[in-house]
Protein backbone atom coordinates (compact mmCIF):
# COMPACT_ATOMS: atom_id res chain seq x y z
CA MET A 1 22.09 -21.34 7.42
CA SER A 2 22.22 -21.95 11.19
CA GLY A 3 19.09 -24.36 11.41
CA ARG A 4 16.11 -21.65 11.97
CA SER A 5 12.65 -22.19 10.25
CA PRO A 6 12.74 -20.44 7.41
CA GLU A 7 9.82 -18.21 8.80
CA THR A 8 12.18 -16.99 11.16
CA LEU A 9 15.30 -15.98 8.51
CA PRO A 10 15.95 -12.26 8.52
CA TYR A 11 15.56 -10.63 5.64
CA GLY A 12 17.87 -7.85 5.00
CA LEU A 13 17.85 -4.29 3.15
CA GLY A 14 19.60 -6.17 0.08
CA ALA A 15 17.17 -9.07 -0.05
CA ALA A 16 14.64 -6.43 0.35
CA ILE A 17 15.14 -4.32 -2.98
CA LEU A 18 16.35 -7.81 -4.78
CA THR A 19 12.07 -8.47 -4.16
CA VAL A 20 11.31 -5.29 -5.04
CA LEU A 21 13.46 -5.24 -8.53
CA ALA A 22 12.08 -8.67 -8.95
CA PHE A 23 8.68 -7.43 -8.69
CA VAL A 24 8.81 -4.89 -10.99
CA LEU A 25 11.06 -6.80 -13.98
CA LEU A 26 7.74 -9.41 -13.77
CA GLU A 27 5.43 -6.91 -14.21
CA MET A 28 7.45 -5.15 -17.14
CA LEU A 29 7.69 -8.74 -18.38
CA LEU A 30 3.82 -10.01 -17.58
CA GLY A 31 3.10 -6.72 -19.18
CA GLY A 32 4.64 -7.36 -22.35
CA VAL A 33 3.09 -10.53 -23.02
CA LEU A 34 -0.46 -9.84 -22.13
CA MET A 35 0.20 -6.45 -24.41
CA ASP A 36 0.50 -8.47 -27.55
CA LEU A 37 -2.96 -10.44 -26.31
CA GLN A 38 -4.57 -7.57 -25.32
CA ASP A 39 -7.25 -7.65 -28.25
CA THR A 40 -7.78 -11.25 -27.66
CA LEU A 41 -8.50 -10.78 -23.95
CA ALA A 42 -10.27 -7.38 -24.69
CA LEU A 43 -8.99 -5.49 -22.05
CA SER A 44 -8.03 -1.66 -22.21
CA GLU A 45 -4.72 -0.49 -21.18
CA ALA A 46 -6.01 0.12 -17.73
CA GLN A 47 -7.28 -3.30 -17.26
CA LEU A 48 -4.59 -4.63 -18.65
CA GLY A 49 -2.14 -2.67 -16.15
CA GLU A 50 -4.19 -3.49 -13.38
CA LEU A 51 -4.04 -7.17 -14.37
CA THR A 52 -0.42 -7.74 -15.24
CA ARG A 53 -0.02 -5.79 -11.43
CA VAL A 54 -2.13 -8.29 -9.90
CA LEU A 55 -0.51 -11.37 -11.53
CA ALA A 56 3.20 -10.14 -10.87
CA THR A 57 2.39 -9.43 -6.98
CA GLY A 58 0.48 -12.78 -6.75
CA ILE A 59 3.76 -14.73 -8.17
CA VAL A 60 6.46 -13.13 -6.26
CA VAL A 61 4.48 -13.66 -2.68
CA SER A 62 3.65 -17.41 -3.70
CA THR A 63 7.50 -18.02 -4.69
CA LEU A 64 8.15 -16.06 -1.53
CA LEU A 65 5.77 -17.73 0.71
CA ALA A 66 7.01 -21.35 -0.48
CA TRP A 67 10.64 -20.23 -0.03
CA ARG A 68 10.39 -18.99 3.36
CA GLY A 69 8.06 -21.71 4.67
CA LEU A 70 5.06 -19.65 5.67
CA THR A 71 1.65 -20.62 5.05
CA HIS A 72 -1.22 -17.81 4.04
CA ALA A 73 -2.56 -18.08 7.46
CA GLN A 74 1.07 -17.05 8.91
CA LEU A 75 1.20 -14.40 6.38
CA LEU A 76 -2.08 -12.81 7.36
CA HIS A 77 -2.00 -12.99 10.98
CA ASP A 78 0.52 -13.96 13.58
CA ALA A 79 -0.19 -12.40 17.03
CA PRO A 80 -1.53 -14.71 19.68
CA SER A 81 -5.13 -12.23 20.01
CA PRO A 82 -7.89 -13.66 17.36
CA PRO A 83 -7.80 -11.26 14.03
CA LEU A 84 -11.46 -10.07 15.25
CA HIS A 85 -10.20 -8.93 17.83
CA THR A 86 -7.10 -7.12 16.62
CA LEU A 87 -9.00 -5.80 13.78
CA PHE A 88 -11.93 -4.49 16.44
CA ALA A 89 -8.89 -2.99 18.22
CA SER A 90 -6.99 -1.26 15.80
CA ALA A 91 -9.80 0.14 13.59
CA ALA A 92 -10.61 3.21 15.21
CA PRO A 93 -7.02 4.50 15.77
CA LEU A 94 -6.36 3.84 12.33
CA LEU A 95 -9.62 5.10 10.17
CA ALA A 96 -8.43 8.56 12.52
CA LEU A 97 -5.50 8.47 10.76
CA LEU A 98 -7.01 9.06 7.23
CA PRO A 99 -8.19 12.34 7.28
CA LEU A 100 -4.55 14.15 7.49
CA LEU A 101 -3.18 11.21 5.24
CA TRP A 102 -5.64 12.24 2.51
CA SER A 103 -5.19 16.00 3.07
CA VAL A 104 -1.20 16.09 2.88
CA ASN A 105 -0.99 13.84 0.27
CA GLY A 106 -3.94 15.88 -1.82
CA TRP A 107 -1.29 19.10 -1.41
CA MET A 108 1.55 17.31 -1.81
CA ASP A 109 -0.18 15.90 -5.42
CA TRP A 110 -1.08 18.95 -5.87
CA LEU A 111 2.41 20.76 -5.08
CA LEU A 112 4.21 17.97 -7.37
CA GLN A 113 1.73 18.38 -10.78
CA SER A 114 2.86 22.32 -10.12
CA LEU A 115 5.96 21.59 -10.67
CA LEU A 116 6.37 18.95 -12.38
CA PRO A 117 2.72 18.71 -14.91
CA LEU A 118 1.61 15.39 -15.89
CA SER A 119 2.67 14.34 -19.45
CA ALA A 120 -0.59 13.13 -21.72
CA TRP A 121 0.08 9.32 -21.20
CA GLU A 122 0.65 9.82 -17.40
CA ALA A 123 -2.87 12.50 -17.28
CA GLU A 124 -4.40 9.33 -18.79
CA TRP A 125 -2.83 6.39 -17.12
CA PHE A 126 -4.04 8.19 -13.45
CA ALA A 127 -7.61 9.01 -14.90
CA HIS A 128 -8.21 5.37 -15.81
CA ALA A 129 -6.98 4.15 -12.22
CA VAL A 130 -9.56 6.37 -10.53
CA ASP A 131 -12.24 6.19 -13.23
CA GLY A 132 -14.57 4.79 -10.64
CA THR A 133 -15.33 1.82 -12.92
CA PHE A 134 -15.74 -1.48 -11.02
CA ALA A 135 -12.74 -2.65 -12.79
CA ALA A 136 -10.72 0.09 -11.09
CA THR A 137 -12.60 -0.44 -8.18
CA LEU A 138 -12.06 -3.66 -7.44
CA SER A 139 -8.73 -2.95 -8.16
CA ALA A 140 -8.11 -0.58 -5.60
CA CYS A 141 -10.26 -1.34 -2.61
CA VAL A 142 -9.82 -4.81 -2.63
CA LEU A 143 -6.91 -6.76 -4.87
CA ALA A 144 -4.18 -4.13 -4.32
CA PRO A 145 -5.21 -4.11 -0.52
CA VAL A 146 -4.94 -7.27 -0.16
CA LEU A 147 -1.93 -8.73 -2.26
CA GLU A 148 0.18 -5.35 -1.49
CA GLU A 149 -0.21 -5.84 1.98
CA MET A 150 1.16 -9.44 1.81
CA LEU A 151 4.01 -8.65 -0.45
CA PHE A 152 5.19 -5.43 1.45
CA ARG A 153 4.37 -6.14 5.08
CA GLY A 154 3.18 -9.60 5.03
CA LEU A 155 7.22 -10.75 3.79
CA ILE A 156 9.42 -7.25 3.22
CA LEU A 157 8.51 -5.52 6.48
CA ARG A 158 7.87 -8.85 8.46
CA GLY A 159 11.48 -9.90 7.46
CA LEU A 160 13.39 -6.10 7.99
CA LEU A 161 11.81 -6.22 11.81
CA LEU A 162 13.71 -9.28 11.83
CA ARG A 163 17.30 -7.36 11.45
CA TYR A 164 16.94 -4.30 12.32
CA PRO A 165 15.38 -1.96 14.73
CA PRO A 166 11.49 -1.10 14.09
CA SER A 167 11.61 2.56 12.68
CA THR A 168 14.72 1.33 10.56
CA ALA A 169 12.46 -1.78 9.17
CA ILE A 170 9.36 0.32 8.55
CA VAL A 171 10.94 3.88 6.55
CA HIS A 172 12.88 1.06 4.16
CA SER A 173 9.91 -0.81 3.88
CA ALA A 174 7.89 2.41 3.11
CA ALA A 175 10.49 3.43 0.90
CA LEU A 176 10.25 0.77 -0.98
CA PHE A 177 6.50 0.76 -1.25
CA GLY A 178 7.08 4.43 -2.64
CA LEU A 179 9.61 3.26 -5.42
CA ALA A 180 7.48 -0.36 -6.17
CA HIS A 181 4.79 2.52 -7.79
CA PHE A 182 7.55 3.95 -10.10
CA ASN A 183 6.52 7.17 -10.53
CA ILE A 184 7.73 10.27 -8.63
CA TYR A 185 3.59 11.51 -8.02
CA GLN A 186 2.97 8.16 -6.27
CA PHE A 187 6.35 7.73 -4.41
CA PHE A 188 5.11 10.56 -1.53
CA VAL A 189 1.48 8.65 -1.18
CA GLY A 190 3.53 5.13 -1.01
CA LEU A 191 6.36 6.75 1.56
CA SER A 192 3.62 8.51 3.57
CA THR A 193 1.14 5.36 3.77
CA GLY A 194 3.62 2.89 3.49
CA LEU A 195 4.80 4.80 7.03
CA VAL A 196 1.49 4.43 8.83
CA LEU A 197 1.00 0.79 7.48
CA GLY A 198 4.38 -0.42 8.64
CA LEU A 199 3.69 1.04 12.19
CA ALA A 200 0.29 -0.80 12.02
CA TYR A 201 1.64 -4.01 11.47
CA GLN A 202 4.33 -3.58 13.79
CA ARG A 203 2.06 -3.13 16.87
CA THR A 204 -0.64 -5.69 15.30
CA ARG A 205 1.19 -8.58 13.74
CA SER A 206 -1.69 -8.68 11.27
CA LEU A 207 -2.00 -7.86 8.06
CA TRP A 208 -6.16 -7.40 8.64
CA PRO A 209 -5.94 -3.92 10.19
CA CYS A 210 -3.08 -3.31 7.16
CA VAL A 211 -5.92 -4.33 4.86
CA LEU A 212 -8.55 -2.21 5.94
CA LEU A 213 -6.51 0.95 6.45
CA HIS A 214 -5.07 0.56 2.59
CA ALA A 215 -8.88 -0.05 0.92
CA ALA A 216 -10.22 2.73 2.80
CA PHE A 217 -7.12 5.01 1.91
CA ASN A 218 -8.09 4.15 -2.17
CA GLY A 219 -11.54 4.10 -1.29
CA GLY A 220 -11.27 8.16 -0.34
CA VAL A 221 -9.09 8.63 -3.16
CA LEU A 222 -11.86 7.16 -5.74
CA TRP A 223 -14.13 8.89 -4.17
CA MET A 224 -12.34 12.42 -4.06
CA ALA A 225 -11.55 12.07 -7.80
CA SER A 226 -15.25 11.55 -8.98
CA ALA A 227 -15.56 14.92 -6.93
CA ASP A 228 -12.75 16.89 -9.32
CA GLY A 229 -11.07 18.06 -6.57
CA GLN A 230 -13.68 19.77 -5.03
CA TRP A 231 -13.00 18.10 -1.64
CA LEU A 232 -9.45 18.95 -1.48
CA ALA A 233 -10.66 22.95 -2.17
CA ASP A 234 -13.25 22.78 0.13
CA THR A 235 -10.58 21.27 3.19
CA ILE A 236 -7.77 23.98 2.32
CA GLY A 237 -10.44 26.56 2.82
CA ASN A 238 -11.94 25.56 5.68
CA PRO A 239 -9.77 26.93 8.68
CA LEU A 240 -11.00 24.14 11.06
CA ALA A 241 -9.91 21.39 8.59
CA LEU A 242 -6.49 20.85 9.90
CA PRO A 243 -6.72 21.01 13.45
CA VAL A 244 -9.57 18.94 13.05
CA ALA A 245 -7.12 16.39 10.74
CA LEU A 246 -4.36 17.14 13.51
CA ALA A 247 -6.43 16.07 16.46
CA LEU A 248 -7.93 12.78 15.00
CA PHE A 249 -4.27 11.74 14.04
CA ALA A 250 -2.65 12.35 17.84
CA TRP A 251 -5.61 10.37 18.96
CA GLY A 252 -5.45 7.92 16.50
CA LEU A 253 -1.22 7.35 16.67
CA ARG A 254 -1.28 7.27 20.17
CA ARG A 255 -4.28 4.50 20.55
CA LEU A 256 -2.40 2.52 17.59
CA LEU A 257 0.85 2.63 19.77
CA ARG A 258 -1.19 1.41 22.91
CA VAL A 259 -2.47 -2.07 20.55
CA ALA A 260 -0.35 -5.11 21.25
């Protein structure tokens, strides 16, 4: 320990992997405990799973905040510009990336399920996760964006950026974000969105743009699920969809790289 303040200690890849493993193990432990209380709490399996993930993320984030000497304000926004200015400057470029992200991940999901069909349990779990209920929407569009961004971008990527070049740190954090979902179907979604979210954090040093993009991406997935995949089928069948999505992505990426 060379006398640096805790918030500036570099976060190596090994420590990042251990953090994700601790998160996964804690989630499994809490899931086992809460399973015994499922009837008492009157929760469905999907609600129990979401509660477990929220609690595990909250505990890990709180522990790391205390260990690294960070306040919640430092974690959420560590840029010289005010939070609202940073959010407004990056909102349009980030939202422009969404059509291509939705399309690519929709195609990847279709390909994976064609090669590796979902088991009955997996199909039921995914159906509950996007069933449009208040609990599912709250989890996908509020709790997951805030808590997961605090852990994977606010703590893990923040520390990796102190030790590795930006591209290496972003790729490492995105891969860990995908692996933390613990299934092949969500790994690629986590990886691709994690790359964009990591770039957004590296450019802005604020979690608010990341939370916005994360929430908007998940909200779009919920909306598309409610349409039973018709949006994706219509998109694939439209010859203008891909060029438009690529153009928006290129514009958004260019603008995002200019954000300071």
